[in-house]
Amino acid sequence: MIDLHTHTLFSDGELLPSELVRRAKAKGYKAIGISDHADSTNIEIIVAGMLRLKKELKHYKGINVVPGIEITHAPRGLIGELAAFARKLGVSYVVVHGETIVEPVEQGTNRAAIEAGADILAHPGLITEEDVVMAKKTGTFLEITSRKGHSLTNGHVARLAKKIGARMLLNTDSHSPSDLISGEDAKRVALGAGLSLQDFDGMQKNAMEFVKRVTKRGP
């Protein structure tokens, strides 16, 4: 299992980064990305913590830890600026909180995230075909999620991504220990979204290649 969307006490998660990593390793994870919720008011605080974590990665044996950020409920006009700022500060990757149907995310957030070159568009809800085409061009990963509520549109996202050829990742959006899942659980999430085991393997390969690219070392 490789999971690039999780949260800690730096935002609304329940665990310190170290405990989250330890529990993920015990669950069989090969890599975990920590991407706490941020907007313009707290992004520097979160990134400072992630950069401290980045300096200590040599101590985390047997699992790759990838420090990121999730731009969340920011006005769409600020998403590009925040994504660029996060990268300048030194995070390894940028997630944008997409237009899930269970939260009042501003319409147009999906498009703004893709235009900003976000690495991952989380739970993009009823994303349009036009935006999926754009995501394919920019290389933005579309997320299939195990998160309750957000997962309601997995089938829609999967169908359009497969039709158009956009790349997908499977993540948990974990906030608590119980949100972490096994590889077998992840396979069931993929199958429930109408994907095949081959598609699941492809998503895991996408994740592995992404982790290697942003960390310069494999799990």
C-alpha atoms as a PDB file:
ATOM      1  CA  MET A   1       0.000   0.000   0.000  1.00  0.00           C
ATOM      2  CA  ILE A   2       1.194   3.475  -0.917  1.00  0.00           C
ATOM      3  CA  ASP A   3      -0.951   6.296   0.425  1.00  0.00           C
ATOM      4  CA  LEU A   4      -0.294   9.941  -0.445  1.00  0.00           C
ATOM      5  CA  HIS A   5      -3.184  11.631   1.355  1.00  0.00           C
ATOM      6  CA  THR A   6      -3.126  11.576   5.173  1.00  0.00           C
ATOM      7  CA  HIS A   7      -3.442  14.043   8.044  1.00  0.00           C
ATOM      8  CA  THR A   8      -1.860  14.582  11.454  1.00  0.00           C
ATOM      9  CA  LEU A   9      -2.226  16.899  14.452  1.00  0.00           C
ATOM     10  CA  PHE A  10      -0.797  19.630  12.236  1.00  0.00           C
ATOM     11  CA  SER A  11      -4.368  19.975  10.939  1.00  0.00           C
ATOM     12  CA  ASP A  12      -7.400  17.833  11.813  1.00  0.00           C
ATOM     13  CA  GLY A  13      -5.784  14.421  12.180  1.00  0.00           C
ATOM     14  CA  GLU A  14      -5.492  12.559  15.485  1.00  0.00           C
ATOM     15  CA  LEU A  15      -1.841  11.491  15.447  1.00  0.00           C
ATOM     16  CA  LEU A  16       1.613  13.000  15.516  1.00  0.00           C
ATOM     17  CA  PRO A  17       3.507  12.399  12.265  1.00  0.00           C
ATOM     18  CA  SER A  18       5.773   9.833  13.949  1.00  0.00           C
ATOM     19  CA  GLU A  19       2.858   7.767  15.235  1.00  0.00           C
ATOM     20  CA  LEU A  20       1.048   7.953  11.908  1.00  0.00           C
ATOM     21  CA  VAL A  21       4.168   6.666  10.145  1.00  0.00           C
ATOM     22  CA  ARG A  22       4.661   3.909  12.719  1.00  0.00           C
ATOM     23  CA  ARG A  23       1.071   2.718  12.416  1.00  0.00           C
ATOM     24  CA  ALA A  24       1.226   2.835   8.621  1.00  0.00           C
ATOM     25  CA  LYS A  25       4.397   0.723   8.636  1.00  0.00           C
ATOM     26  CA  ALA A  26       2.749  -1.804  10.958  1.00  0.00           C
ATOM     27  CA  LYS A  27      -0.168  -1.919   8.496  1.00  0.00           C
ATOM     28  CA  GLY A  28       2.208  -2.908   5.712  1.00  0.00           C
ATOM     29  CA  TYR A  29       2.595   0.448   3.970  1.00  0.00           C
ATOM     30  CA  LYS A  30       5.619   0.905   1.717  1.00  0.00           C
ATOM     31  CA  ALA A  31       5.219   4.688   1.564  1.00  0.00           C
ATOM     32  CA  ILE A  32       3.054   7.344   3.160  1.00  0.00           C
ATOM     33  CA  GLY A  33       2.549  10.974   2.230  1.00  0.00           C
ATOM     34  CA  ILE A  34       1.546  13.461   4.926  1.00  0.00           C
ATOM     35  CA  SER A  35      -0.511  16.280   3.458  1.00  0.00           C
ATOM     36  CA  ASP A  36      -2.138  18.370   6.161  1.00  0.00           C
ATOM     37  CA  HIS A  37      -4.855  20.909   5.415  1.00  0.00           C
ATOM     38  CA  ALA A  38      -3.619  24.414   4.697  1.00  0.00           C
ATOM     39  CA  ASP A  39      -4.653  27.814   3.420  1.00  0.00           C
ATOM     40  CA  SER A  40      -2.791  31.106   3.465  1.00  0.00           C
ATOM     41  CA  THR A  41      -3.104  31.449   7.266  1.00  0.00           C
ATOM     42  CA  ASN A  42      -1.281  28.288   8.322  1.00  0.00           C
ATOM     43  CA  ILE A  43       0.712  27.034   5.349  1.00  0.00           C
ATOM     44  CA  GLU A  44       4.066  28.274   6.672  1.00  0.00           C
ATOM     45  CA  ILE A  45       3.492  26.659  10.085  1.00  0.00           C
ATOM     46  CA  ILE A  46       2.665  23.281   8.546  1.00  0.00           C
ATOM     47  CA  VAL A  47       5.505  23.384   6.048  1.00  0.00           C
ATOM     48  CA  ALA A  48       7.977  24.214   8.829  1.00  0.00           C
ATOM     49  CA  GLY A  49       6.935  21.012  10.585  1.00  0.00           C
ATOM     50  CA  MET A  50       7.122  19.016   7.373  1.00  0.00           C
ATOM     51  CA  LEU A  51      10.608  20.322   6.642  1.00  0.00           C
ATOM     52  CA  ARG A  52      11.732  19.259  10.110  1.00  0.00           C
ATOM     53  CA  LEU A  53      10.310  15.820   9.349  1.00  0.00           C
ATOM     54  CA  LYS A  54      12.119  15.836   6.014  1.00  0.00           C
ATOM     55  CA  LYS A  55      15.450  16.259   7.825  1.00  0.00           C
ATOM     56  CA  GLU A  56      14.738  13.193   9.963  1.00  0.00           C
ATOM     57  CA  LEU A  57      13.640  10.778   7.231  1.00  0.00           C
ATOM     58  CA  LYS A  58      16.818   8.686   7.507  1.00  0.00           C
ATOM     59  CA  HIS A  59      15.533   7.448  10.860  1.00  0.00           C
ATOM     60  CA  TYR A  60      12.320   6.008   9.403  1.00  0.00           C
ATOM     61  CA  LYS A  61      13.414   2.559   8.262  1.00  0.00           C
ATOM     62  CA  GLY A  62      11.408   0.368   5.912  1.00  0.00           C
ATOM     63  CA  ILE A  63       8.922   3.017   4.832  1.00  0.00           C
ATOM     64  CA  ASN A  64       9.195   6.112   2.679  1.00  0.00           C
ATOM     65  CA  VAL A  65       7.727   9.254   4.249  1.00  0.00           C
ATOM     66  CA  VAL A  66       6.837  12.036   1.825  1.00  0.00           C
ATOM     67  CA  PRO A  67       6.083  15.512   3.251  1.00  0.00           C
ATOM     68  CA  GLY A  68       3.369  17.359   1.360  1.00  0.00           C
ATOM     69  CA  ILE A  69       0.484  19.785   1.845  1.00  0.00           C
ATOM     70  CA  GLU A  70      -3.217  19.835   1.016  1.00  0.00           C
ATOM     71  CA  ILE A  71      -4.599  23.209  -0.028  1.00  0.00           C
ATOM     72  CA  THR A  72      -8.095  23.083   1.437  1.00  0.00           C
ATOM     73  CA  HIS A  73     -11.170  25.266   0.838  1.00  0.00           C
ATOM     74  CA  ALA A  74      -8.955  28.114  -0.328  1.00  0.00           C
ATOM     75  CA  PRO A  75     -10.638  30.549  -2.732  1.00  0.00           C
ATOM     76  CA  ARG A  76     -10.003  29.246  -6.224  1.00  0.00           C
ATOM     77  CA  GLY A  77      -8.219  32.466  -7.145  1.00  0.00           C
ATOM     78  CA  LEU A  78      -5.555  31.736  -4.521  1.00  0.00           C
ATOM     79  CA  ILE A  79      -4.901  28.083  -5.334  1.00  0.00           C
ATOM     80  CA  GLY A  80      -2.198  28.692  -7.922  1.00  0.00           C
ATOM     81  CA  GLU A  81      -0.412  31.165  -5.679  1.00  0.00           C
ATOM     82  CA  LEU A  82      -0.573  28.824  -2.666  1.00  0.00           C
ATOM     83  CA  ALA A  83       0.638  25.820  -4.671  1.00  0.00           C
ATOM     84  CA  ALA A  84       3.620  27.793  -5.966  1.00  0.00           C
ATOM     85  CA  PHE A  85       4.363  29.112  -2.464  1.00  0.00           C
ATOM     86  CA  ALA A  86       4.254  25.625  -0.949  1.00  0.00           C
ATOM     87  CA  ARG A  87       6.737  24.355  -3.521  1.00  0.00           C
ATOM     88  CA  LYS A  88       8.989  27.347  -2.899  1.00  0.00           C
ATOM     89  CA  LEU A  89       8.922  26.573   0.818  1.00  0.00           C
ATOM     90  CA  GLY A  90      10.115  23.058   0.070  1.00  0.00           C
ATOM     91  CA  VAL A  91       7.257  20.559   0.246  1.00  0.00           C
ATOM     92  CA  SER A  92       7.629  17.462  -1.904  1.00  0.00           C
ATOM     93  CA  TYR A  93       4.157  17.535  -3.429  1.00  0.00           C
ATOM     94  CA  VAL A  94       0.888  19.462  -3.469  1.00  0.00           C
ATOM     95  CA  VAL A  95      -2.624  18.072  -3.047  1.00  0.00           C
ATOM     96  CA  VAL A  96      -5.710  20.207  -3.588  1.00  0.00           C
ATOM     97  CA  HIS A  97      -8.978  19.454  -1.788  1.00  0.00           C
ATOM     98  CA  GLY A  98     -11.337  18.833  -4.683  1.00  0.00           C
ATOM     99  CA  GLU A  99     -15.053  19.359  -5.199  1.00  0.00           C
ATOM    100  CA  THR A 100     -16.355  16.481  -3.084  1.00  0.00           C
ATOM    101  CA  ILE A 101     -20.157  16.327  -3.011  1.00  0.00           C
ATOM    102  CA  VAL A 102     -20.249  16.127   0.795  1.00  0.00           C
ATOM    103  CA  GLU A 103     -18.664  19.531   1.478  1.00  0.00           C
ATOM    104  CA  PRO A 104     -19.404  23.031   0.155  1.00  0.00           C
ATOM    105  CA  VAL A 105     -16.224  23.341  -1.911  1.00  0.00           C
ATOM    106  CA  GLU A 106     -16.214  26.363  -4.209  1.00  0.00           C
ATOM    107  CA  GLN A 107     -17.206  25.526  -7.767  1.00  0.00           C
ATOM    108  CA  GLY A 108     -14.213  25.815 -10.058  1.00  0.00           C
ATOM    109  CA  THR A 109     -11.758  24.458  -7.469  1.00  0.00           C
ATOM    110  CA  ASN A 110     -11.054  21.355  -9.547  1.00  0.00           C
ATOM    111  CA  ARG A 111     -10.161  23.453 -12.578  1.00  0.00           C
ATOM    112  CA  ALA A 112      -8.014  25.845 -10.542  1.00  0.00           C
ATOM    113  CA  ALA A 113      -6.106  22.924  -9.004  1.00  0.00           C
ATOM    114  CA  ILE A 114      -5.381  21.373 -12.380  1.00  0.00           C
ATOM    115  CA  GLU A 115      -4.348  24.697 -13.887  1.00  0.00           C
ATOM    116  CA  ALA A 116      -2.019  25.227 -10.908  1.00  0.00           C
ATOM    117  CA  GLY A 117      -0.292  21.926 -11.661  1.00  0.00           C
ATOM    118  CA  ALA A 118      -1.345  20.232  -8.422  1.00  0.00           C
ATOM    119  CA  ASP A 119       0.190  16.799  -8.117  1.00  0.00           C
ATOM    120  CA  ILE A 120      -3.027  15.257  -6.785  1.00  0.00           C
ATOM    121  CA  LEU A 121      -6.634  16.396  -7.034  1.00  0.00           C
ATOM    122  CA  ALA A 122      -8.248  14.816  -3.992  1.00  0.00           C
ATOM    123  CA  HIS A 123     -11.821  13.474  -4.105  1.00  0.00           C
ATOM    124  CA  PRO A 124     -12.813  15.523  -7.174  1.00  0.00           C
ATOM    125  CA  GLY A 125     -16.515  14.692  -6.867  1.00  0.00           C
ATOM    126  CA  LEU A 126     -18.561  15.010 -10.044  1.00  0.00           C
ATOM    127  CA  ILE A 127     -15.587  16.271 -12.030  1.00  0.00           C
ATOM    128  CA  THR A 128     -16.343  17.291 -15.599  1.00  0.00           C
ATOM    129  CA  GLU A 129     -14.999  15.483 -18.608  1.00  0.00           C
ATOM    130  CA  GLU A 130     -13.320  18.698 -19.721  1.00  0.00           C
ATOM    131  CA  ASP A 131     -11.399  18.890 -16.445  1.00  0.00           C
ATOM    132  CA  VAL A 132     -10.368  15.242 -16.713  1.00  0.00           C
ATOM    133  CA  VAL A 133      -8.984  15.952 -20.185  1.00  0.00           C
ATOM    134  CA  MET A 134      -7.014  18.851 -18.728  1.00  0.00           C
ATOM    135  CA  ALA A 135      -5.768  16.687 -15.847  1.00  0.00           C
ATOM    136  CA  LYS A 136      -4.433  14.195 -18.352  1.00  0.00           C
ATOM    137  CA  LYS A 137      -2.508  16.966 -20.099  1.00  0.00           C
ATOM    138  CA  THR A 138      -1.037  18.428 -16.899  1.00  0.00           C
ATOM    139  CA  GLY A 139      -0.282  15.063 -15.295  1.00  0.00           C
ATOM    140  CA  THR A 140      -2.444  15.760 -12.245  1.00  0.00           C
ATOM    141  CA  PHE A 141      -3.452  12.519 -10.542  1.00  0.00           C
ATOM    142  CA  LEU A 142      -7.170  12.026  -9.866  1.00  0.00           C
ATOM    143  CA  GLU A 143      -7.910  10.412  -6.534  1.00  0.00           C
ATOM    144  CA  ILE A 144      -9.936   7.307  -5.813  1.00  0.00           C
ATOM    145  CA  THR A 145     -10.554   7.405  -2.072  1.00  0.00           C
ATOM    146  CA  SER A 146     -11.535   5.089   0.746  1.00  0.00           C
ATOM    147  CA  ARG A 147     -12.792   8.061   2.791  1.00  0.00           C
ATOM    148  CA  LYS A 148     -16.440   7.865   3.831  1.00  0.00           C
ATOM    149  CA  GLY A 149     -18.584  10.359   1.912  1.00  0.00           C
ATOM    150  CA  HIS A 150     -15.855  11.423  -0.465  1.00  0.00           C
ATOM    151  CA  SER A 151     -15.892   7.896  -1.916  1.00  0.00           C
ATOM    152  CA  LEU A 152     -19.480   8.264  -3.170  1.00  0.00           C
ATOM    153  CA  THR A 153     -18.230   9.569  -6.511  1.00  0.00           C
ATOM    154  CA  ASN A 154     -15.363   7.107  -6.984  1.00  0.00           C
ATOM    155  CA  GLY A 155     -17.249   5.361  -9.773  1.00  0.00           C
ATOM    156  CA  HIS A 156     -17.777   8.609 -11.690  1.00  0.00           C
ATOM    157  CA  VAL A 157     -14.125   9.614 -11.345  1.00  0.00           C
ATOM    158  CA  ALA A 158     -12.897   6.158 -12.342  1.00  0.00           C
ATOM    159  CA  ARG A 159     -15.160   5.939 -15.367  1.00  0.00           C
ATOM    160  CA  LEU A 160     -14.062   9.284 -16.803  1.00  0.00           C
ATOM    161  CA  ALA A 161     -10.394   8.741 -15.974  1.00  0.00           C
ATOM    162  CA  LYS A 162     -10.388   5.397 -17.778  1.00  0.00           C
ATOM    163  CA  LYS A 163     -12.312   6.792 -20.733  1.00  0.00           C
ATOM    164  CA  ILE A 164      -9.897   9.684 -21.208  1.00  0.00           C
ATOM    165  CA  GLY A 165      -6.695   8.084 -19.979  1.00  0.00           C
ATOM    166  CA  ALA A 166      -6.045  10.325 -16.984  1.00  0.00           C
ATOM    167  CA  ARG A 167      -3.883   8.888 -14.239  1.00  0.00           C
ATOM    168  CA  MET A 168      -5.346   7.837 -10.894  1.00  0.00           C
ATOM    169  CA  LEU A 169      -4.113   7.147  -7.369  1.00  0.00           C
ATOM    170  CA  LEU A 170      -5.868   5.370  -4.522  1.00  0.00           C
ATOM    171  CA  ASN A 171      -5.561   7.151  -1.168  1.00  0.00           C
ATOM    172  CA  THR A 172      -7.251   7.007   2.237  1.00  0.00           C
ATOM    173  CA  ASP A 173      -7.490  10.650   3.365  1.00  0.00           C
ATOM    174  CA  SER A 174      -6.707   9.218   6.807  1.00  0.00           C
ATOM    175  CA  HIS A 175      -7.414  11.306   9.893  1.00  0.00           C
ATOM    176  CA  SER A 176      -7.321   8.539  12.508  1.00  0.00           C
ATOM    177  CA  PRO A 177      -5.650   5.120  12.957  1.00  0.00           C
ATOM    178  CA  SER A 178      -8.838   3.356  11.882  1.00  0.00           C
ATOM    179  CA  ASP A 179      -8.696   5.091   8.486  1.00  0.00           C
ATOM    180  CA  LEU A 180      -5.495   3.311   7.444  1.00  0.00           C
ATOM    181  CA  ILE A 181      -6.221   0.323   5.235  1.00  0.00           C
ATOM    182  CA  SER A 182      -4.475  -2.822   4.075  1.00  0.00           C
ATOM    183  CA  GLY A 183      -3.564  -3.627   0.501  1.00  0.00           C
ATOM    184  CA  GLU A 184      -6.510  -6.029   0.334  1.00  0.00           C
ATOM    185  CA  ASP A 185      -8.869  -3.315   1.547  1.00  0.00           C
ATOM    186  CA  ALA A 186      -7.487  -0.987  -1.109  1.00  0.00           C
ATOM    187  CA  LYS A 187      -8.160  -3.581  -3.804  1.00  0.00           C
ATOM    188  CA  ARG A 188     -11.783  -3.780  -2.686  1.00  0.00           C
ATOM    189  CA  VAL A 189     -12.116   0.005  -2.880  1.00  0.00           C
ATOM    190  CA  ALA A 190     -10.820  -0.108  -6.462  1.00  0.00           C
ATOM    191  CA  LEU A 191     -13.172  -2.930  -7.435  1.00  0.00           C
ATOM    192  CA  GLY A 192     -16.072  -1.078  -5.820  1.00  0.00           C
ATOM    193  CA  ALA A 193     -15.288   1.906  -8.039  1.00  0.00           C
ATOM    194  CA  GLY A 194     -15.700  -0.293 -11.110  1.00  0.00           C
ATOM    195  CA  LEU A 195     -11.986  -0.730 -11.674  1.00  0.00           C
ATOM    196  CA  SER A 196     -10.133  -3.988 -12.298  1.00  0.00           C
ATOM    197  CA  LEU A 197      -7.257  -5.537 -10.396  1.00  0.00           C
ATOM    198  CA  GLN A 198      -5.079  -4.499 -13.333  1.00  0.00           C
ATOM    199  CA  ASP A 199      -6.250  -0.918 -12.821  1.00  0.00           C
ATOM    200  CA  PHE A 200      -5.407  -1.202  -9.121  1.00  0.00           C
ATOM    201  CA  ASP A 201      -1.925  -2.444  -9.931  1.00  0.00           C
ATOM    202  CA  GLY A 202      -1.567   0.486 -12.301  1.00  0.00           C
ATOM    203  CA  MET A 203      -2.493   2.948  -9.567  1.00  0.00           C
ATOM    204  CA  GLN A 204       0.050   1.404  -7.213  1.00  0.00           C
ATOM    205  CA  LYS A 205       2.675   1.624  -9.954  1.00  0.00           C
ATOM    206  CA  ASN A 206       1.755   5.286 -10.482  1.00  0.00           C
ATOM    207  CA  ALA A 207       2.187   5.893  -6.759  1.00  0.00           C
ATOM    208  CA  MET A 208       5.532   4.087  -6.606  1.00  0.00           C
ATOM    209  CA  GLU A 209       6.912   6.035  -9.553  1.00  0.00           C
ATOM    210  CA  PHE A 210       5.668   9.302  -8.061  1.00  0.00           C
ATOM    211  CA  VAL A 211       7.285   8.592  -4.685  1.00  0.00           C
ATOM    212  CA  LYS A 212      10.588   7.695  -6.340  1.00  0.00           C
ATOM    213  CA  ARG A 213      10.472  10.865  -8.396  1.00  0.00           C
ATOM    214  CA  VAL A 214       9.808  13.242  -5.501  1.00  0.00           C
ATOM    215  CA  THR A 215      12.099  11.573  -2.971  1.00  0.00           C
ATOM    216  CA  LYS A 216      14.874  10.432  -5.334  1.00  0.00           C
ATOM    217  CA  ARG A 217      14.857   7.068  -3.616  1.00  0.00           C
ATOM    218  CA  GLY A 218      12.540   4.078  -3.629  1.00  0.00           C
ATOM    219  CA  PRO A 219      10.625   2.623  -0.662  1.00  0.00           C
END
